[in-house]
Amino acid sequence: MADKLIGKKFIKKEEKPGNNSDATVDSKSTLKRNTSKVRSKRKNDDKRKRNDDDGFDTKIINIRRVTRMFKGGRRMRLSVFVVIGDREGKVGVGIGKGPDVRSAQNKAVSNAKKNLIQVPIKGNTIPHDIVLKHGAARIIIKPAAPGTGIVAGSSMRAVAEVAGIKDMLGKIMGTNNQITNAYATVEAFANLRQTRN
């Protein structure tokens, strides 16, 4: 190993293994190369985690900051409400809390997977009308003609999209709470029955 004094710092130079004994490598450059490899590896790990959702599409309905009182004062956390679905009839909703959005979203997705339901789909719409009351939410859902699209607001549209429904008419009455309306929509879909053609 050879040491070189540059400025007022010593930079150690290492010999490269192999046939060229004259070639030297600066330890700073090897450090830079190693850190870039670590960064690229982290990026690939993040991509893998995002794609590892068992074929479910995830939509975030609501993110809010919640606090809890402790002896030392208030502790802030984030609450995330998500709806997941495979666009083939399976849909579920879940809430997760954590110190940051990513961890809260992961918890919410795992909770939603535990509460999956199968929605009966007739063509691209639902089989029949349904009126449902859930808490302060009152919703009406009706089947629609092909090409109509999803005519519904707020969280009802998100639940219908990830469930795989393409044509539907919906009306939300009562509360404006997105979480309550999403739960009401999922309950309404669970109460649907497959009809004969």
C-alpha atoms as a PDB file:
ATOM      1  CA  MET A   1       0.000   0.000   0.000  1.00  0.00           C
ATOM      2  CA  ALA A   2       1.181   3.462  -0.808  1.00  0.00           C
ATOM      3  CA  ASP A   3       0.233   6.636   1.080  1.00  0.00           C
ATOM      4  CA  LYS A   4       0.055  10.025  -0.623  1.00  0.00           C
ATOM      5  CA  LEU A   5      -0.136  13.426   1.043  1.00  0.00           C
ATOM      6  CA  ILE A   6      -2.644  15.603  -0.826  1.00  0.00           C
ATOM      7  CA  GLY A   7      -3.413  18.972   0.728  1.00  0.00           C
ATOM      8  CA  LYS A   8      -3.249  18.084   4.419  1.00  0.00           C
ATOM      9  CA  LYS A   9      -4.926  14.653   4.151  1.00  0.00           C
ATOM     10  CA  PHE A  10      -3.460  11.246   3.622  1.00  0.00           C
ATOM     11  CA  ILE A  11      -5.205   9.202   0.917  1.00  0.00           C
ATOM     12  CA  LYS A  12      -4.458   5.514   0.948  1.00  0.00           C
ATOM     13  CA  LYS A  13      -4.102   3.846  -2.401  1.00  0.00           C
ATOM     14  CA  GLU A  14      -4.767   0.150  -2.725  1.00  0.00           C
ATOM     15  CA  GLU A  15      -3.341  -2.178  -5.294  1.00  0.00           C
ATOM     16  CA  LYS A  16      -5.847  -3.803  -7.626  1.00  0.00           C
ATOM     17  CA  PRO A  17      -5.817  -7.606  -7.558  1.00  0.00           C
ATOM     18  CA  GLY A  18      -4.873  -9.158 -10.878  1.00  0.00           C
ATOM     19  CA  ASN A  19      -2.067  -8.937 -13.393  1.00  0.00           C
ATOM     20  CA  ASN A  20      -1.563  -5.138 -13.293  1.00  0.00           C
ATOM     21  CA  SER A  21       0.421  -4.532 -10.120  1.00  0.00           C
ATOM     22  CA  ASP A  22       1.076  -0.928 -11.239  1.00  0.00           C
ATOM     23  CA  ALA A  23      -2.625   0.039 -11.222  1.00  0.00           C
ATOM     24  CA  THR A  24      -3.863   1.678  -8.027  1.00  0.00           C
ATOM     25  CA  VAL A  25      -7.396   2.400  -6.855  1.00  0.00           C
ATOM     26  CA  ASP A  26      -8.353   5.380  -4.731  1.00  0.00           C
ATOM     27  CA  SER A  27     -10.274   4.272  -1.604  1.00  0.00           C
ATOM     28  CA  LYS A  28     -12.674   7.234  -1.981  1.00  0.00           C
ATOM     29  CA  SER A  29     -13.747   6.110  -5.465  1.00  0.00           C
ATOM     30  CA  THR A  30     -14.402   2.538  -4.262  1.00  0.00           C
ATOM     31  CA  LEU A  31     -16.493   3.954  -1.425  1.00  0.00           C
ATOM     32  CA  LYS A  32     -18.565   5.978  -3.921  1.00  0.00           C
ATOM     33  CA  ARG A  33     -19.122   2.911  -6.100  1.00  0.00           C
ATOM     34  CA  ASN A  34     -20.215   0.821  -3.100  1.00  0.00           C
ATOM     35  CA  THR A  35     -22.711   3.420  -1.862  1.00  0.00           C
ATOM     36  CA  SER A  36     -24.274   3.732  -5.323  1.00  0.00           C
ATOM     37  CA  LYS A  37     -24.737  -0.060  -5.393  1.00  0.00           C
ATOM     38  CA  VAL A  38     -26.459   0.090  -1.995  1.00  0.00           C
ATOM     39  CA  ARG A  39     -28.782   2.867  -3.200  1.00  0.00           C
ATOM     40  CA  SER A  40     -29.769   0.968  -6.341  1.00  0.00           C
ATOM     41  CA  LYS A  41     -30.393  -2.152  -4.252  1.00  0.00           C
ATOM     42  CA  ARG A  42     -32.691  -0.167  -1.939  1.00  0.00           C
ATOM     43  CA  LYS A  43     -34.658   1.160  -4.919  1.00  0.00           C
ATOM     44  CA  ASN A  44     -35.168  -2.387  -6.227  1.00  0.00           C
ATOM     45  CA  ASP A  45     -36.331  -3.556  -2.776  1.00  0.00           C
ATOM     46  CA  ASP A  46     -38.895  -0.711  -2.653  1.00  0.00           C
ATOM     47  CA  LYS A  47     -40.229  -1.671  -6.113  1.00  0.00           C
ATOM     48  CA  ARG A  48     -40.565  -5.287  -5.022  1.00  0.00           C
ATOM     49  CA  LYS A  49     -42.557  -4.295  -1.936  1.00  0.00           C
ATOM     50  CA  ARG A  50     -44.953  -2.141  -3.968  1.00  0.00           C
ATOM     51  CA  ASN A  51     -45.620  -4.888  -6.529  1.00  0.00           C
ATOM     52  CA  ASP A  52     -46.050  -7.588  -3.869  1.00  0.00           C
ATOM     53  CA  ASP A  53     -49.776  -6.964  -3.253  1.00  0.00           C
ATOM     54  CA  ASP A  54     -51.120 -10.298  -4.581  1.00  0.00           C
ATOM     55  CA  GLY A  55     -52.637  -8.563  -7.627  1.00  0.00           C
ATOM     56  CA  PHE A  56     -54.688  -6.052  -5.614  1.00  0.00           C
ATOM     57  CA  ASP A  57     -55.073  -2.402  -6.609  1.00  0.00           C
ATOM     58  CA  THR A  58     -54.799  -0.022  -3.654  1.00  0.00           C
ATOM     59  CA  LYS A  59     -56.514   3.358  -3.384  1.00  0.00           C
ATOM     60  CA  ILE A  60     -55.925   5.686  -0.454  1.00  0.00           C
ATOM     61  CA  ILE A  61     -59.241   7.234   0.583  1.00  0.00           C
ATOM     62  CA  ASN A  62     -58.162   9.286   3.577  1.00  0.00           C
ATOM     63  CA  ILE A  63     -54.949  10.289   5.392  1.00  0.00           C
ATOM     64  CA  ARG A  64     -55.194  12.139   8.693  1.00  0.00           C
ATOM     65  CA  ARG A  65     -52.965  13.016  11.609  1.00  0.00           C
ATOM     66  CA  VAL A  66     -54.103  11.606  14.947  1.00  0.00           C
ATOM     67  CA  THR A  67     -52.700  12.258  18.437  1.00  0.00           C
ATOM     68  CA  ARG A  68     -52.630  10.308  21.671  1.00  0.00           C
ATOM     69  CA  MET A  69     -51.822  11.667  25.117  1.00  0.00           C
ATOM     70  CA  PHE A  70     -48.881  10.171  27.004  1.00  0.00           C
ATOM     71  CA  LYS A  71     -47.109  11.114  30.208  1.00  0.00           C
ATOM     72  CA  GLY A  72     -44.561  13.163  28.240  1.00  0.00           C
ATOM     73  CA  GLY A  73     -47.158  14.900  26.058  1.00  0.00           C
ATOM     74  CA  ARG A  74     -48.983  14.284  22.795  1.00  0.00           C
ATOM     75  CA  ARG A  75     -47.727  11.626  20.401  1.00  0.00           C
ATOM     76  CA  MET A  76     -48.535  12.233  16.724  1.00  0.00           C
ATOM     77  CA  ARG A  77     -49.232   9.378  14.324  1.00  0.00           C
ATOM     78  CA  LEU A  78     -50.770   9.044  10.873  1.00  0.00           C
ATOM     79  CA  SER A  79     -53.964   7.148  10.116  1.00  0.00           C
ATOM     80  CA  VAL A  80     -54.480   5.866   6.559  1.00  0.00           C
ATOM     81  CA  PHE A  81     -57.742   4.451   5.183  1.00  0.00           C
ATOM     82  CA  VAL A  82     -57.409   2.324   2.029  1.00  0.00           C
ATOM     83  CA  VAL A  83     -59.637   0.296  -0.259  1.00  0.00           C
ATOM     84  CA  ILE A  84     -58.168  -2.676  -2.156  1.00  0.00           C
ATOM     85  CA  GLY A  85     -59.592  -4.830  -4.928  1.00  0.00           C
ATOM     86  CA  ASP A  86     -58.596  -7.164  -7.755  1.00  0.00           C
ATOM     87  CA  ARG A  87     -61.022  -5.595 -10.306  1.00  0.00           C
ATOM     88  CA  GLU A  88     -62.705  -9.010 -10.607  1.00  0.00           C
ATOM     89  CA  GLY A  89     -65.221  -8.771  -7.767  1.00  0.00           C
ATOM     90  CA  LYS A  90     -63.065  -8.884  -4.636  1.00  0.00           C
ATOM     91  CA  VAL A  91     -62.928  -5.731  -2.513  1.00  0.00           C
ATOM     92  CA  GLY A  92     -61.963  -4.797   1.050  1.00  0.00           C
ATOM     93  CA  VAL A  93     -61.331  -1.736   3.226  1.00  0.00           C
ATOM     94  CA  GLY A  94     -58.946  -1.209   6.128  1.00  0.00           C
ATOM     95  CA  ILE A  95     -57.432   1.374   8.464  1.00  0.00           C
ATOM     96  CA  GLY A  96     -53.789   1.436   9.563  1.00  0.00           C
ATOM     97  CA  LYS A  97     -51.828   3.719  11.886  1.00  0.00           C
ATOM     98  CA  GLY A  98     -48.099   4.336  11.994  1.00  0.00           C
ATOM     99  CA  PRO A  99     -45.354   6.924  12.409  1.00  0.00           C
ATOM    100  CA  ASP A 100     -45.209   7.541   8.633  1.00  0.00           C
ATOM    101  CA  VAL A 101     -47.520   7.100   5.637  1.00  0.00           C
ATOM    102  CA  ARG A 102     -45.788   4.013   4.225  1.00  0.00           C
ATOM    103  CA  SER A 103     -45.977   1.926   7.428  1.00  0.00           C
ATOM    104  CA  ALA A 104     -49.574   3.037   8.070  1.00  0.00           C
ATOM    105  CA  GLN A 105     -50.524   2.130   4.482  1.00  0.00           C
ATOM    106  CA  ASN A 106     -48.944  -1.331   4.805  1.00  0.00           C
ATOM    107  CA  LYS A 107     -50.949  -1.978   7.995  1.00  0.00           C
ATOM    108  CA  ALA A 108     -54.131  -0.719   6.326  1.00  0.00           C
ATOM    109  CA  VAL A 109     -53.603  -3.024   3.313  1.00  0.00           C
ATOM    110  CA  SER A 110     -53.029  -6.050   5.576  1.00  0.00           C
ATOM    111  CA  ASN A 111     -56.231  -5.189   7.514  1.00  0.00           C
ATOM    112  CA  ALA A 112     -58.158  -4.786   4.247  1.00  0.00           C
ATOM    113  CA  LYS A 113     -56.984  -8.233   3.072  1.00  0.00           C
ATOM    114  CA  LYS A 114     -58.568  -9.743   6.207  1.00  0.00           C
ATOM    115  CA  ASN A 115     -61.943  -8.148   5.343  1.00  0.00           C
ATOM    116  CA  LEU A 116     -62.284  -9.065   1.644  1.00  0.00           C
ATOM    117  CA  ILE A 117     -65.748  -9.706   0.199  1.00  0.00           C
ATOM    118  CA  GLN A 118     -66.899 -11.039  -3.179  1.00  0.00           C
ATOM    119  CA  VAL A 119     -69.158  -8.677  -5.151  1.00  0.00           C
ATOM    120  CA  PRO A 120     -71.589 -10.297  -7.615  1.00  0.00           C
ATOM    121  CA  ILE A 121     -71.105  -8.592 -10.993  1.00  0.00           C
ATOM    122  CA  LYS A 122     -73.587  -8.969 -13.867  1.00  0.00           C
ATOM    123  CA  GLY A 123     -71.880  -7.888 -17.093  1.00  0.00           C
ATOM    124  CA  ASN A 124     -70.135  -4.670 -16.048  1.00  0.00           C
ATOM    125  CA  THR A 125     -72.691  -3.578 -13.453  1.00  0.00           C
ATOM    126  CA  ILE A 126     -74.406  -4.804 -10.279  1.00  0.00           C
ATOM    127  CA  PRO A 127     -77.338  -7.256 -10.466  1.00  0.00           C
ATOM    128  CA  HIS A 128     -80.045  -5.104  -8.769  1.00  0.00           C
ATOM    129  CA  ASP A 129     -80.864  -1.890  -6.849  1.00  0.00           C
ATOM    130  CA  ILE A 130     -80.005  -1.621  -3.172  1.00  0.00           C
ATOM    131  CA  VAL A 131     -80.710   0.955  -0.455  1.00  0.00           C
ATOM    132  CA  LEU A 132     -78.683   0.673   2.741  1.00  0.00           C
ATOM    133  CA  LYS A 133     -78.227   2.578   5.995  1.00  0.00           C
ATOM    134  CA  HIS A 134     -74.915   2.233   7.845  1.00  0.00           C
ATOM    135  CA  GLY A 135     -74.492   4.501  10.863  1.00  0.00           C
ATOM    136  CA  ALA A 136     -75.294   8.032   9.689  1.00  0.00           C
ATOM    137  CA  ALA A 137     -74.709   7.103   6.020  1.00  0.00           C
ATOM    138  CA  ARG A 138     -77.606   6.259   3.720  1.00  0.00           C
ATOM    139  CA  ILE A 139     -76.729   5.135   0.206  1.00  0.00           C
ATOM    140  CA  ILE A 140     -78.617   4.117  -2.935  1.00  0.00           C
ATOM    141  CA  ILE A 141     -76.890   2.033  -5.623  1.00  0.00           C
ATOM    142  CA  LYS A 142     -78.484   1.163  -8.980  1.00  0.00           C
ATOM    143  CA  PRO A 143     -77.298  -0.802 -12.030  1.00  0.00           C
ATOM    144  CA  ALA A 144     -76.590   1.260 -15.163  1.00  0.00           C
ATOM    145  CA  ALA A 145     -76.636   0.672 -18.930  1.00  0.00           C
ATOM    146  CA  PRO A 146     -73.346  -0.251 -20.653  1.00  0.00           C
ATOM    147  CA  GLY A 147     -71.186   2.809 -21.343  1.00  0.00           C
ATOM    148  CA  THR A 148     -72.641   4.898 -18.504  1.00  0.00           C
ATOM    149  CA  GLY A 149     -69.572   4.671 -16.287  1.00  0.00           C
ATOM    150  CA  ILE A 150     -69.533   5.054 -12.518  1.00  0.00           C
ATOM    151  CA  VAL A 151     -71.795   7.962 -11.595  1.00  0.00           C
ATOM    152  CA  ALA A 152     -71.088   8.184  -7.869  1.00  0.00           C
ATOM    153  CA  GLY A 153     -69.122  10.439  -5.610  1.00  0.00           C
ATOM    154  CA  SER A 154     -66.374  10.302  -3.057  1.00  0.00           C
ATOM    155  CA  SER A 155     -65.378   6.927  -1.646  1.00  0.00           C
ATOM    156  CA  MET A 156     -68.249   5.041  -3.343  1.00  0.00           C
ATOM    157  CA  ARG A 157     -66.571   5.563  -6.731  1.00  0.00           C
ATOM    158  CA  ALA A 158     -63.198   4.288  -5.428  1.00  0.00           C
ATOM    159  CA  VAL A 159     -64.769   1.128  -3.950  1.00  0.00           C
ATOM    160  CA  ALA A 160     -66.685   0.423  -7.189  1.00  0.00           C
ATOM    161  CA  GLU A 161     -63.577   0.958  -9.372  1.00  0.00           C
ATOM    162  CA  VAL A 162     -61.329  -1.474  -7.488  1.00  0.00           C
ATOM    163  CA  ALA A 163     -64.182  -4.009  -7.310  1.00  0.00           C
ATOM    164  CA  GLY A 164     -64.281  -4.106 -11.123  1.00  0.00           C
ATOM    165  CA  ILE A 165     -67.680  -2.453 -11.643  1.00  0.00           C
ATOM    166  CA  LYS A 166     -67.666  -0.268 -14.757  1.00  0.00           C
ATOM    167  CA  ASP A 167     -71.295   0.973 -14.949  1.00  0.00           C
ATOM    168  CA  MET A 168     -73.178   2.046 -11.819  1.00  0.00           C
ATOM    169  CA  LEU A 169     -75.351   4.844 -10.435  1.00  0.00           C
ATOM    170  CA  GLY A 170     -74.862   5.801  -6.793  1.00  0.00           C
ATOM    171  CA  LYS A 171     -76.155   8.420  -4.379  1.00  0.00           C
ATOM    172  CA  ILE A 172     -74.764   9.220  -0.919  1.00  0.00           C
ATOM    173  CA  MET A 173     -77.109  10.831   1.613  1.00  0.00           C
ATOM    174  CA  GLY A 174     -76.632  11.627   5.268  1.00  0.00           C
ATOM    175  CA  THR A 175     -73.017  11.924   6.334  1.00  0.00           C
ATOM    176  CA  ASN A 176     -70.121  13.270   4.272  1.00  0.00           C
ATOM    177  CA  ASN A 177     -67.618  11.103   6.175  1.00  0.00           C
ATOM    178  CA  GLN A 178     -65.572   9.224   3.542  1.00  0.00           C
ATOM    179  CA  ILE A 179     -64.735   6.307   5.859  1.00  0.00           C
ATOM    180  CA  THR A 180     -68.375   5.715   6.852  1.00  0.00           C
ATOM    181  CA  ASN A 181     -69.502   5.968   3.219  1.00  0.00           C
ATOM    182  CA  ALA A 182     -66.851   3.446   2.109  1.00  0.00           C
ATOM    183  CA  TYR A 183     -67.934   0.979   4.811  1.00  0.00           C
ATOM    184  CA  ALA A 184     -71.585   1.492   3.774  1.00  0.00           C
ATOM    185  CA  THR A 185     -70.722   0.809   0.113  1.00  0.00           C
ATOM    186  CA  VAL A 186     -68.844  -2.396   0.982  1.00  0.00           C
ATOM    187  CA  GLU A 187     -71.758  -3.551   3.160  1.00  0.00           C
ATOM    188  CA  ALA A 188     -74.192  -2.822   0.312  1.00  0.00           C
ATOM    189  CA  PHE A 189     -72.036  -4.839  -2.117  1.00  0.00           C
ATOM    190  CA  ALA A 190     -71.930  -7.706   0.409  1.00  0.00           C
ATOM    191  CA  ASN A 191     -75.760  -7.727   0.544  1.00  0.00           C
ATOM    192  CA  LEU A 192     -76.144  -7.996  -3.251  1.00  0.00           C
ATOM    193  CA  ARG A 193     -77.471 -11.301  -4.583  1.00  0.00           C
ATOM    194  CA  GLN A 194     -76.753 -12.796  -8.011  1.00  0.00           C
ATOM    195  CA  THR A 195     -79.895 -12.730 -10.186  1.00  0.00           C
ATOM    196  CA  ARG A 196     -80.853 -15.046 -13.036  1.00  0.00           C
ATOM    197  CA  ASN A 197     -80.592 -13.722 -16.603  1.00  0.00           C
END
